[in-house]
Amino acid sequence: MNKTSVVTPEKGTDPASPDAEDVADTEEPKSPAAPGEAADEKDEAGEKPGPSWRRWVPRPLTAVLIVLLVVAVVFAAVFGWKLEGRNDRNAAGEAALAAAQNYAVALTSIDSSRLDTDFATVLDGATGQFKDMYSQSAGQLKPMLQQAKSVSKGHVVAASVQSATEEHAVVMLFVDAEITNVTNPQPRIDRNRILMTMEKVGDRWLASKVELP
């Protein structure tokens, strides 16, 4: 009878345990590091991390954003300058309009009993060529107005600014003058359309040209 040989395992070895090579083969491979983890490793290595938004915004787009920002700033400055200039012109136009209306009343309000005072008021509100012309004609008008005992009372019906800068304005006025004299004791209405050019002299608006178009 043949004897069956029995091999007993050596102490310290487990027949069910796999070999070392099998264990190495069964180990799961490490997953690749995520982009954020790689950045963290660089940070720990001593490298200074850049702003996070730069990783997501392409450089050409960043340049476009900067250009748009500069354009916006320039546009705001230009718009503010134009708005300020327009406000200055509007304020100048309003001042010239008020001065022109007052002067139109003085120009069309003459009383033969106080001609010197009325003439002085007209000359005080005038400048340039118109002032010179009125000063010369006043001497010729005075005896005729006194002889006719003329009285004129003017009032502005309507007025508007045709154009205006900070130093120059053109105003259109519609002025009614109520006139009486020896020949016409009953008042009659003389309707006038006046185109008046106003110039700023110092801090005053003065009439430099008066037309009856």
Protein backbone atom coordinates (compact mmCIF):
# COMPACT_ATOMS: atom_id res chain seq x y z
CA MET A 1 0.00 0.00 0.00
CA ASN A 2 1.28 3.36 -1.07
CA LYS A 3 1.47 6.06 1.58
CA THR A 4 0.07 9.41 0.72
CA SER A 5 2.40 12.13 1.66
CA VAL A 6 0.84 15.11 3.39
CA VAL A 7 2.52 18.45 3.17
CA THR A 8 1.85 20.59 6.20
CA PRO A 9 2.09 24.32 5.83
CA GLU A 10 4.89 26.09 7.48
CA LYS A 11 4.18 28.03 10.57
CA GLY A 12 3.44 31.72 9.95
CA THR A 13 2.05 31.24 6.46
CA ASP A 14 -1.62 31.41 5.52
CA PRO A 15 -2.53 29.33 2.56
CA ALA A 16 -5.53 31.62 1.89
CA SER A 17 -3.46 34.82 1.85
CA PRO A 18 -2.37 35.99 -1.60
CA ASP A 19 1.23 36.46 -2.56
CA ALA A 20 2.85 39.90 -2.25
CA GLU A 21 2.73 40.34 -5.99
CA ASP A 22 -0.98 39.63 -6.03
CA VAL A 23 -1.51 42.21 -3.28
CA ALA A 24 0.41 44.84 -5.25
CA ASP A 25 -1.63 44.03 -8.34
CA THR A 26 -4.90 44.45 -6.50
CA GLU A 27 -4.10 47.90 -5.02
CA GLU A 28 -6.31 50.65 -6.51
CA PRO A 29 -4.44 53.28 -8.52
CA LYS A 30 -4.46 56.76 -7.04
CA SER A 31 -6.81 59.18 -8.75
CA PRO A 32 -5.18 62.19 -10.42
CA ALA A 33 -5.14 65.35 -8.35
CA ALA A 34 -7.83 67.92 -9.07
CA PRO A 35 -6.76 71.36 -10.40
CA GLY A 36 -7.49 72.97 -7.06
CA GLU A 37 -5.38 70.40 -5.22
CA ALA A 38 -2.44 71.03 -7.56
CA ALA A 39 -2.76 74.75 -6.88
CA ASP A 40 -2.78 74.01 -3.14
CA GLU A 41 0.39 71.98 -3.47
CA LYS A 42 2.04 74.91 -5.26
CA ASP A 43 0.92 77.22 -2.54
CA GLU A 44 2.43 74.95 0.09
CA ALA A 45 5.65 74.88 -1.93
CA GLY A 46 5.96 78.64 -1.46
CA GLU A 47 4.62 79.94 -4.79
CA LYS A 48 2.32 82.97 -4.56
CA PRO A 49 -1.09 82.15 -5.99
CA GLY A 50 -2.58 84.64 -8.48
CA PRO A 51 -6.09 86.13 -8.22
CA SER A 52 -8.70 83.46 -8.68
CA TRP A 53 -10.65 85.47 -11.32
CA ARG A 54 -7.67 85.48 -13.66
CA ARG A 55 -7.96 81.72 -14.01
CA TRP A 56 -11.47 82.12 -15.42
CA VAL A 57 -11.18 85.38 -17.47
CA PRO A 58 -9.11 85.19 -20.67
CA ARG A 59 -6.49 87.90 -21.07
CA PRO A 60 -8.08 89.43 -24.23
CA LEU A 61 -11.38 89.79 -22.39
CA THR A 62 -9.62 91.47 -19.48
CA ALA A 63 -8.10 94.02 -21.88
CA VAL A 64 -11.54 94.71 -23.39
CA LEU A 65 -13.02 95.29 -19.95
CA ILE A 66 -10.27 97.78 -19.10
CA VAL A 67 -10.84 99.66 -22.38
CA LEU A 68 -14.57 99.80 -21.74
CA LEU A 69 -13.94 101.15 -18.24
CA VAL A 70 -11.68 103.90 -19.60
CA VAL A 71 -14.25 104.80 -22.28
CA ALA A 72 -16.99 104.97 -19.65
CA VAL A 73 -14.94 107.34 -17.49
CA VAL A 74 -14.12 109.59 -20.45
CA PHE A 75 -17.74 109.60 -21.59
CA ALA A 76 -18.93 110.56 -18.11
CA ALA A 77 -16.43 113.44 -17.97
CA VAL A 78 -17.39 114.75 -21.43
CA PHE A 79 -21.10 114.42 -20.69
CA GLY A 80 -20.67 116.31 -17.41
CA TRP A 81 -18.72 119.07 -19.16
CA LYS A 82 -21.38 119.42 -21.88
CA LEU A 83 -24.16 119.43 -19.31
CA GLU A 84 -22.43 122.14 -17.31
CA GLY A 85 -21.94 124.23 -20.47
CA ARG A 86 -25.59 123.83 -21.42
CA ASN A 87 -26.68 124.87 -17.93
CA ASP A 88 -24.44 127.95 -18.14
CA ARG A 89 -25.93 128.89 -21.52
CA ASN A 90 -29.46 128.43 -20.22
CA ALA A 91 -28.73 130.62 -17.22
CA ALA A 92 -27.17 133.28 -19.47
CA GLY A 93 -30.18 133.16 -21.80
CA GLU A 94 -32.60 133.64 -18.92
CA ALA A 95 -30.62 136.62 -17.60
CA ALA A 96 -30.41 138.18 -21.07
CA LEU A 97 -34.15 137.64 -21.61
CA ALA A 98 -35.04 139.40 -18.36
CA ALA A 99 -32.74 142.31 -19.17
CA ALA A 100 -34.13 142.59 -22.72
CA GLN A 101 -37.72 142.74 -21.48
CA ASN A 102 -36.91 145.50 -18.99
CA TYR A 103 -35.01 147.41 -21.65
CA ALA A 104 -37.83 147.06 -24.19
CA VAL A 105 -40.19 148.70 -21.69
CA ALA A 106 -37.70 151.54 -21.08
CA LEU A 107 -37.18 151.98 -24.83
CA THR A 108 -40.90 152.31 -25.61
CA SER A 109 -41.90 154.32 -22.52
CA ILE A 110 -41.27 158.02 -23.12
CA ASP A 111 -42.89 161.00 -21.43
CA SER A 112 -42.32 164.45 -22.89
CA SER A 113 -42.40 165.97 -19.41
CA ARG A 114 -39.31 164.00 -18.29
CA LEU A 115 -37.38 163.30 -21.45
CA ASP A 116 -33.93 163.77 -19.93
CA THR A 117 -34.58 161.04 -17.33
CA ASP A 118 -36.09 158.69 -19.92
CA PHE A 119 -33.23 159.22 -22.36
CA ALA A 120 -30.68 158.62 -19.61
CA THR A 121 -32.39 155.32 -18.72
CA VAL A 122 -32.28 154.17 -22.35
CA LEU A 123 -28.61 155.09 -22.73
CA ASP A 124 -27.73 153.36 -19.46
CA GLY A 125 -29.07 150.06 -20.80
CA ALA A 126 -27.31 150.31 -24.16
CA THR A 127 -23.79 149.63 -25.41
CA GLY A 128 -21.73 149.76 -28.56
CA GLN A 129 -23.12 151.00 -31.86
CA PHE A 130 -26.72 151.25 -30.69
CA LYS A 131 -25.77 153.45 -27.75
CA ASP A 132 -23.87 155.81 -30.04
CA MET A 133 -26.77 155.96 -32.52
CA TYR A 134 -29.40 156.62 -29.84
CA SER A 135 -27.26 159.29 -28.18
CA GLN A 136 -27.03 161.18 -31.48
CA SER A 137 -30.73 160.88 -32.33
CA ALA A 138 -31.99 161.78 -28.85
CA GLY A 139 -31.02 165.42 -29.31
CA GLN A 140 -33.08 165.60 -32.52
CA LEU A 141 -36.11 163.80 -31.07
CA LYS A 142 -36.34 165.89 -27.90
CA PRO A 143 -37.85 169.12 -29.36
CA MET A 144 -40.36 167.18 -31.51
CA LEU A 145 -41.59 165.07 -28.60
CA GLN A 146 -41.93 168.11 -26.34
CA GLN A 147 -43.88 170.01 -28.98
CA ALA A 148 -46.27 167.09 -29.55
CA LYS A 149 -46.51 166.38 -25.82
CA SER A 150 -46.03 162.74 -26.59
CA VAL A 151 -46.46 160.02 -24.00
CA SER A 152 -45.77 156.37 -24.67
CA LYS A 153 -46.23 153.47 -22.28
CA GLY A 154 -44.82 150.14 -23.39
CA HIS A 155 -45.31 146.61 -22.11
CA VAL A 156 -44.00 143.30 -23.34
CA VAL A 157 -46.61 140.90 -24.70
CA ALA A 158 -44.26 138.00 -25.41
CA ALA A 159 -40.54 137.32 -25.60
CA SER A 160 -38.22 134.42 -26.31
CA VAL A 161 -34.51 133.74 -26.65
CA GLN A 162 -33.45 133.03 -30.24
CA SER A 163 -29.86 132.12 -29.40
CA ALA A 164 -27.56 132.48 -26.43
CA THR A 165 -24.02 131.97 -25.27
CA GLU A 166 -22.50 132.99 -21.96
CA GLU A 167 -21.63 136.46 -23.36
CA HIS A 168 -24.09 137.05 -26.24
CA ALA A 169 -27.83 136.58 -26.78
CA VAL A 170 -30.49 137.42 -29.35
CA VAL A 171 -34.02 137.98 -28.05
CA MET A 172 -37.27 138.37 -29.97
CA LEU A 173 -39.88 140.57 -28.28
CA PHE A 174 -43.45 141.60 -29.05
CA VAL A 175 -44.11 144.98 -27.45
CA ASP A 176 -47.28 147.03 -27.36
CA ALA A 177 -46.93 150.78 -26.83
CA GLU A 178 -49.89 152.92 -25.80
CA ILE A 179 -49.30 156.36 -27.34
CA THR A 180 -51.01 159.71 -26.82
CA ASN A 181 -50.12 163.20 -28.11
CA VAL A 182 -51.70 166.50 -29.02
CA THR A 183 -52.96 165.16 -32.34
CA ASN A 184 -54.27 161.91 -30.87
CA PRO A 185 -55.49 162.48 -27.30
CA GLN A 186 -57.16 159.08 -27.30
CA PRO A 187 -54.62 156.30 -26.71
CA ARG A 188 -53.68 154.22 -29.71
CA ILE A 189 -51.78 150.94 -29.60
CA ASP A 190 -48.59 150.67 -31.57
CA ARG A 191 -47.59 147.00 -31.90
CA ASN A 192 -43.89 146.34 -32.36
CA ARG A 193 -41.81 143.29 -33.05
CA ILE A 194 -38.27 143.88 -31.82
CA LEU A 195 -35.17 141.77 -32.39
CA MET A 196 -32.72 142.77 -29.68
CA THR A 197 -29.08 141.72 -29.41
CA MET A 198 -27.77 141.62 -25.87
CA GLU A 199 -24.13 141.65 -24.79
CA LYS A 200 -22.78 140.90 -21.34
CA VAL A 201 -20.66 143.79 -20.12
CA GLY A 202 -19.22 143.11 -16.69
CA ASP A 203 -22.12 141.68 -14.73
CA ARG A 204 -24.85 143.42 -16.80
CA TRP A 205 -26.66 142.52 -20.01
CA LEU A 206 -26.84 145.56 -22.33
CA ALA A 207 -28.52 146.11 -25.70
CA SER A 208 -25.99 146.41 -28.51
CA LYS A 209 -28.45 146.25 -31.42
CA VAL A 210 -32.19 146.90 -31.78
CA GLU A 211 -34.02 146.00 -35.00
CA LEU A 212 -37.67 146.20 -36.11
CA PRO A 213 -37.90 143.31 -38.61
